[in-house]
Amino acid sequence: MTIIQVPKPPPGAMNPDRPVSALLKAQMAHLHEAQKRLPFRLQSELYINAIRTEAEASRYVAEVTAAILVAHKRKKLPTAKGAQMRKAVIPKKQKRKNPRGKSTR
């Protein structure tokens, strides 16, 4: 396996007061859609259209990601690490008996 060296970002790269970029807005929109499927008590109270800075976006992303992880742990869903999904067992249709002894057709 080839190891790829990633340089450290410069010290001034993190600016919590910087306006939210289009990439962060798109990520927040995806997370907002994902959190709609969570139980109400796990949903974030932050309104994504009110988020203006990278620090606020970071807080929202962290909060929703943590809620999704909690929901997965509670349902004990399989992870992507080799776990296999259980297939739903669908019962076979049983023929109904007519109480009068005649055919149903």
N, C-alpha and C. Protein backbone atom coordinates (compact mmCIF):
# COMPACT_ATOMS: atom_id res chain seq x y z
N MET A 1 0.84 -1.17 0.00
CA MET A 1 0.00 0.00 0.00
C MET A 1 0.89 1.23 0.00
N THR A 2 0.56 2.17 -0.85
CA THR A 2 1.31 3.41 -0.93
C THR A 2 0.79 4.41 0.09
N ILE A 3 1.69 4.98 0.85
CA ILE A 3 1.32 5.98 1.84
C ILE A 3 1.45 7.35 1.20
N ILE A 4 0.38 8.12 1.28
CA ILE A 4 0.36 9.46 0.70
C ILE A 4 0.53 10.46 1.83
N GLN A 5 1.55 11.28 1.73
CA GLN A 5 1.81 12.30 2.74
C GLN A 5 0.93 13.52 2.45
N VAL A 6 0.15 13.92 3.44
CA VAL A 6 -0.70 15.10 3.31
C VAL A 6 -0.09 16.20 4.16
N PRO A 7 0.24 17.33 3.54
CA PRO A 7 0.86 18.41 4.32
C PRO A 7 -0.13 19.04 5.30
N LYS A 8 0.39 19.53 6.42
CA LYS A 8 -0.47 20.20 7.40
C LYS A 8 -0.91 21.54 6.83
N PRO A 9 -2.17 21.94 7.13
CA PRO A 9 -2.62 23.25 6.64
C PRO A 9 -1.87 24.37 7.35
N PRO A 10 -1.74 25.51 6.71
CA PRO A 10 -1.06 26.63 7.37
C PRO A 10 -1.85 27.09 8.60
N PRO A 11 -1.18 27.75 9.55
CA PRO A 11 -1.85 28.15 10.80
C PRO A 11 -3.07 29.05 10.59
N GLY A 12 -3.08 29.85 9.55
CA GLY A 12 -4.20 30.77 9.32
C GLY A 12 -5.33 30.16 8.52
N ALA A 13 -5.26 28.86 8.23
CA ALA A 13 -6.29 28.22 7.39
C ALA A 13 -7.64 28.14 8.10
N MET A 14 -7.64 27.93 9.40
CA MET A 14 -8.90 27.83 10.15
C MET A 14 -9.32 29.23 10.58
N ASN A 15 -10.45 29.67 10.05
CA ASN A 15 -11.00 30.97 10.41
C ASN A 15 -12.47 30.77 10.76
N PRO A 16 -12.80 30.66 12.04
CA PRO A 16 -14.18 30.38 12.43
C PRO A 16 -15.16 31.48 12.04
N ASP A 17 -14.67 32.70 11.78
CA ASP A 17 -15.56 33.81 11.43
C ASP A 17 -15.75 33.97 9.93
N ARG A 18 -15.14 33.08 9.15
CA ARG A 18 -15.27 33.14 7.69
C ARG A 18 -16.69 32.78 7.29
N PRO A 19 -17.24 33.46 6.27
CA PRO A 19 -18.60 33.11 5.81
C PRO A 19 -18.65 31.68 5.29
N VAL A 20 -19.81 31.06 5.38
CA VAL A 20 -20.01 29.68 4.97
C VAL A 20 -19.85 29.59 3.45
N SER A 21 -19.10 28.59 2.99
CA SER A 21 -18.89 28.38 1.56
C SER A 21 -20.06 27.58 0.97
N ALA A 22 -20.11 27.53 -0.35
CA ALA A 22 -21.15 26.76 -1.03
C ALA A 22 -21.03 25.27 -0.71
N LEU A 23 -19.80 24.79 -0.55
CA LEU A 23 -19.59 23.38 -0.22
C LEU A 23 -20.18 23.05 1.15
N LEU A 24 -19.94 23.92 2.13
CA LEU A 24 -20.51 23.70 3.47
C LEU A 24 -22.03 23.80 3.45
N LYS A 25 -22.57 24.73 2.66
CA LYS A 25 -24.02 24.86 2.56
C LYS A 25 -24.63 23.58 1.98
N ALA A 26 -23.98 23.01 0.98
CA ALA A 26 -24.48 21.77 0.38
C ALA A 26 -24.41 20.63 1.39
N GLN A 27 -23.32 20.56 2.15
CA GLN A 27 -23.18 19.51 3.16
C GLN A 27 -24.26 19.65 4.23
N MET A 28 -24.53 20.88 4.65
CA MET A 28 -25.57 21.10 5.66
C MET A 28 -26.95 20.73 5.13
N ALA A 29 -27.19 21.00 3.84
CA ALA A 29 -28.48 20.64 3.25
C ALA A 29 -28.67 19.12 3.24
N HIS A 30 -27.61 18.38 2.91
CA HIS A 30 -27.69 16.91 2.92
C HIS A 30 -27.93 16.39 4.34
N LEU A 31 -27.23 16.96 5.31
CA LEU A 31 -27.42 16.53 6.69
C LEU A 31 -28.81 16.90 7.19
N HIS A 32 -29.33 18.02 6.74
CA HIS A 32 -30.68 18.43 7.14
C HIS A 32 -31.71 17.41 6.65
N GLU A 33 -31.55 16.95 5.41
CA GLU A 33 -32.45 15.93 4.87
C GLU A 33 -32.31 14.61 5.65
N ALA A 34 -31.08 14.26 6.02
CA ALA A 34 -30.85 13.02 6.77
C ALA A 34 -31.46 13.09 8.16
N GLN A 35 -31.37 14.24 8.80
CA GLN A 35 -31.88 14.34 10.17
C GLN A 35 -33.39 14.35 10.23
N LYS A 36 -34.07 14.63 9.12
CA LYS A 36 -35.54 14.59 9.10
C LYS A 36 -36.05 13.18 9.39
N ARG A 37 -35.23 12.17 9.13
CA ARG A 37 -35.63 10.78 9.35
C ARG A 37 -35.34 10.31 10.78
N LEU A 38 -34.69 11.15 11.55
CA LEU A 38 -34.37 10.80 12.94
C LEU A 38 -35.57 11.04 13.84
N PRO A 39 -35.60 10.38 15.00
CA PRO A 39 -36.65 10.70 15.97
C PRO A 39 -36.57 12.18 16.34
N PHE A 40 -37.70 12.77 16.65
CA PHE A 40 -37.76 14.22 16.90
C PHE A 40 -36.79 14.66 17.99
N ARG A 41 -36.65 13.85 19.02
CA ARG A 41 -35.78 14.24 20.15
C ARG A 41 -34.31 14.29 19.76
N LEU A 42 -33.93 13.65 18.65
CA LEU A 42 -32.53 13.67 18.20
C LEU A 42 -32.26 14.74 17.14
N GLN A 43 -33.30 15.39 16.67
CA GLN A 43 -33.10 16.40 15.62
C GLN A 43 -32.52 17.68 16.20
N SER A 44 -31.70 18.34 15.40
CA SER A 44 -31.06 19.58 15.81
C SER A 44 -32.08 20.71 15.85
N GLU A 45 -31.88 21.63 16.77
CA GLU A 45 -32.75 22.79 16.85
C GLU A 45 -32.18 23.96 16.06
N LEU A 46 -31.03 23.78 15.45
CA LEU A 46 -30.41 24.85 14.67
C LEU A 46 -31.10 24.97 13.31
N TYR A 47 -31.34 26.19 12.89
CA TYR A 47 -31.99 26.49 11.62
C TYR A 47 -30.87 26.73 10.60
N ILE A 48 -30.78 25.89 9.57
CA ILE A 48 -29.61 25.96 8.68
C ILE A 48 -29.53 27.25 7.87
N ASN A 49 -30.65 27.89 7.61
CA ASN A 49 -30.59 29.15 6.85
C ASN A 49 -30.08 30.31 7.69
N ALA A 50 -30.00 30.14 9.00
CA ALA A 50 -29.48 31.18 9.88
C ALA A 50 -27.98 31.04 10.10
N ILE A 51 -27.38 29.95 9.62
CA ILE A 51 -25.95 29.72 9.82
C ILE A 51 -25.17 30.60 8.86
N ARG A 52 -24.26 31.40 9.40
CA ARG A 52 -23.51 32.36 8.59
C ARG A 52 -22.00 32.15 8.60
N THR A 53 -21.45 31.50 9.64
CA THR A 53 -20.00 31.35 9.74
C THR A 53 -19.59 29.88 9.75
N GLU A 54 -18.31 29.66 9.51
CA GLU A 54 -17.79 28.29 9.53
C GLU A 54 -17.91 27.66 10.91
N ALA A 55 -17.78 28.46 11.96
CA ALA A 55 -17.89 27.93 13.32
C ALA A 55 -19.32 27.42 13.57
N GLU A 56 -20.32 28.17 13.12
CA GLU A 56 -21.71 27.74 13.28
C GLU A 56 -21.98 26.49 12.45
N ALA A 57 -21.43 26.44 11.24
CA ALA A 57 -21.61 25.27 10.38
C ALA A 57 -20.95 24.05 11.00
N SER A 58 -19.78 24.23 11.58
CA SER A 58 -19.07 23.14 12.23
C SER A 58 -19.89 22.58 13.38
N ARG A 59 -20.49 23.46 14.15
CA ARG A 59 -21.31 23.02 15.29
C ARG A 59 -22.52 22.22 14.79
N TYR A 60 -23.17 22.69 13.73
CA TYR A 60 -24.34 22.00 13.18
C TYR A 60 -23.96 20.62 12.65
N VAL A 61 -22.88 20.55 11.87
CA VAL A 61 -22.44 19.27 11.30
C VAL A 61 -22.10 18.28 12.42
N ALA A 62 -21.40 18.74 13.44
CA ALA A 62 -21.04 17.87 14.56
C ALA A 62 -22.28 17.37 15.30
N GLU A 63 -23.24 18.26 15.52
CA GLU A 63 -24.46 17.90 16.26
C GLU A 63 -25.29 16.86 15.50
N VAL A 64 -25.49 17.08 14.21
CA VAL A 64 -26.31 16.16 13.42
C VAL A 64 -25.60 14.82 13.23
N THR A 65 -24.30 14.86 12.99
CA THR A 65 -23.53 13.62 12.83
C THR A 65 -23.60 12.78 14.10
N ALA A 66 -23.46 13.42 15.26
CA ALA A 66 -23.55 12.71 16.53
C ALA A 66 -24.94 12.10 16.72
N ALA A 67 -25.99 12.82 16.33
CA ALA A 67 -27.36 12.31 16.46
C ALA A 67 -27.58 11.10 15.56
N ILE A 68 -27.02 11.14 14.36
CA ILE A 68 -27.15 10.00 13.45
C ILE A 68 -26.44 8.78 14.02
N LEU A 69 -25.26 8.98 14.60
CA LEU A 69 -24.54 7.86 15.22
C LEU A 69 -25.32 7.28 16.39
N VAL A 70 -25.94 8.12 17.19
CA VAL A 70 -26.74 7.65 18.32
C VAL A 70 -27.92 6.81 17.81
N ALA A 71 -28.57 7.30 16.75
CA ALA A 71 -29.71 6.57 16.19
C ALA A 71 -29.28 5.21 15.65
N HIS A 72 -28.12 5.14 15.02
CA HIS A 72 -27.63 3.87 14.49
C HIS A 72 -27.30 2.90 15.62
N LYS A 73 -26.72 3.40 16.69
CA LYS A 73 -26.36 2.53 17.81
C LYS A 73 -27.61 2.01 18.51
N ARG A 74 -28.64 2.83 18.62
CA ARG A 74 -29.87 2.40 19.28
C ARG A 74 -30.58 1.32 18.48
N LYS A 75 -30.55 1.43 17.17
CA LYS A 75 -31.21 0.44 16.33
C LYS A 75 -30.31 -0.76 16.07
N LYS A 76 -29.05 -0.66 16.47
CA LYS A 76 -28.06 -1.71 16.27
C LYS A 76 -28.01 -2.12 14.80
N LEU A 77 -27.90 -1.11 13.95
CA LEU A 77 -27.82 -1.37 12.52
C LEU A 77 -26.43 -1.89 12.17
N PRO A 78 -26.31 -2.73 11.18
CA PRO A 78 -25.00 -3.22 10.79
C PRO A 78 -24.15 -2.09 10.20
N THR A 79 -22.87 -2.17 10.41
CA THR A 79 -21.98 -1.17 9.85
C THR A 79 -21.45 -1.65 8.51
N ALA A 80 -20.72 -0.80 7.84
CA ALA A 80 -20.20 -1.14 6.52
C ALA A 80 -18.99 -2.07 6.61
N LYS A 81 -18.48 -2.34 7.80
CA LYS A 81 -17.28 -3.15 7.97
C LYS A 81 -17.59 -4.64 7.91
N GLY A 82 -18.01 -5.11 6.77
CA GLY A 82 -18.19 -6.54 6.57
C GLY A 82 -19.46 -7.13 7.14
N ALA A 83 -20.24 -6.34 7.86
CA ALA A 83 -21.48 -6.88 8.41
C ALA A 83 -22.49 -7.04 7.28
N GLN A 84 -23.26 -8.09 7.34
CA GLN A 84 -24.23 -8.33 6.29
C GLN A 84 -25.62 -7.95 6.78
N MET A 85 -26.38 -7.37 5.90
CA MET A 85 -27.75 -7.00 6.23
C MET A 85 -28.59 -8.27 6.35
N ARG A 86 -29.47 -8.29 7.32
CA ARG A 86 -30.38 -9.41 7.44
C ARG A 86 -31.49 -9.25 6.42
N LYS A 87 -31.80 -10.33 5.73
CA LYS A 87 -32.88 -10.28 4.75
C LYS A 87 -34.21 -10.49 5.46
N ALA A 88 -35.18 -9.72 5.05
CA ALA A 88 -36.51 -9.85 5.64
C ALA A 88 -37.14 -11.15 5.16
N VAL A 89 -37.72 -11.86 6.08
CA VAL A 89 -38.39 -13.11 5.73
C VAL A 89 -39.85 -12.78 5.44
N ILE A 90 -40.24 -13.04 4.21
CA ILE A 90 -41.60 -12.76 3.80
C ILE A 90 -42.37 -14.07 3.81
N PRO A 91 -43.42 -14.16 4.62
CA PRO A 91 -44.17 -15.42 4.69
C PRO A 91 -44.88 -15.69 3.36
N LYS A 92 -44.99 -16.97 3.04
CA LYS A 92 -45.70 -17.37 1.82
C LYS A 92 -47.19 -17.17 2.01
N LYS A 93 -47.83 -16.84 0.90
CA LYS A 93 -49.28 -16.63 0.95
C LYS A 93 -49.97 -17.97 1.18
N GLN A 94 -50.87 -17.99 2.11
CA GLN A 94 -51.61 -19.22 2.38
C GLN A 94 -52.96 -19.14 1.68
N LYS A 95 -53.42 -20.29 1.23
CA LYS A 95 -54.72 -20.34 0.59
C LYS A 95 -55.79 -20.22 1.66
N ARG A 96 -56.76 -19.37 1.37
CA ARG A 96 -57.86 -19.20 2.31
C ARG A 96 -58.91 -20.26 2.07
N LYS A 97 -59.42 -20.78 3.14
CA LYS A 97 -60.49 -21.77 3.02
C LYS A 97 -61.82 -21.05 3.12
N ASN A 98 -62.73 -21.42 2.24
CA ASN A 98 -64.05 -20.86 2.28
C ASN A 98 -64.83 -21.60 3.37
N PRO A 99 -65.46 -20.88 4.29
CA PRO A 99 -66.17 -21.55 5.39
C PRO A 99 -67.34 -22.41 4.91
N ARG A 100 -67.87 -22.16 3.70
CA ARG A 100 -69.01 -22.93 3.21
C ARG A 100 -68.57 -24.11 2.36
N GLY A 101 -67.28 -24.29 2.15
CA GLY A 101 -66.78 -25.42 1.42
C GLY A 101 -66.75 -25.23 -0.09
N LYS A 102 -67.18 -24.07 -0.59
CA LYS A 102 -67.17 -23.82 -2.03
C LYS A 102 -65.87 -23.12 -2.41
N SER A 103 -65.53 -23.14 -3.67
CA SER A 103 -64.33 -22.46 -4.12
C SER A 103 -64.53 -20.95 -4.06
N THR A 104 -63.43 -20.21 -3.96
CA THR A 104 -63.51 -18.76 -3.83
C THR A 104 -63.58 -18.06 -5.18
N ARG A 105 -63.58 -18.82 -6.27
CA ARG A 105 -63.59 -18.18 -7.60
C ARG A 105 -64.96 -17.94 -8.09
